[in-house]
């Protein structure tokens, strides 16, 4: 029989994963945000999505990931 602490940690982990999957599916969270909420890496979260037969959405390019170019004024 599981002690209460172990049981509770497993329950919270399952709840976090379910919540992250739901919010990702609805478009509320990005892949990275959902992975963080579930306590997993993005690769692990993608594998979980595929395991449950859920599509992995293409991520939009964000300002942080684009390269910056210096623009000079003449």
Foldseek 3Di string as FASTA:
>chain_A
DDDPVVVVVVVVLVVQLVVLVVCVLVVNDALCRSCVSNVHHSVVNCVVCVVVPHDHDDDDDDPVPDDDDDDDDD
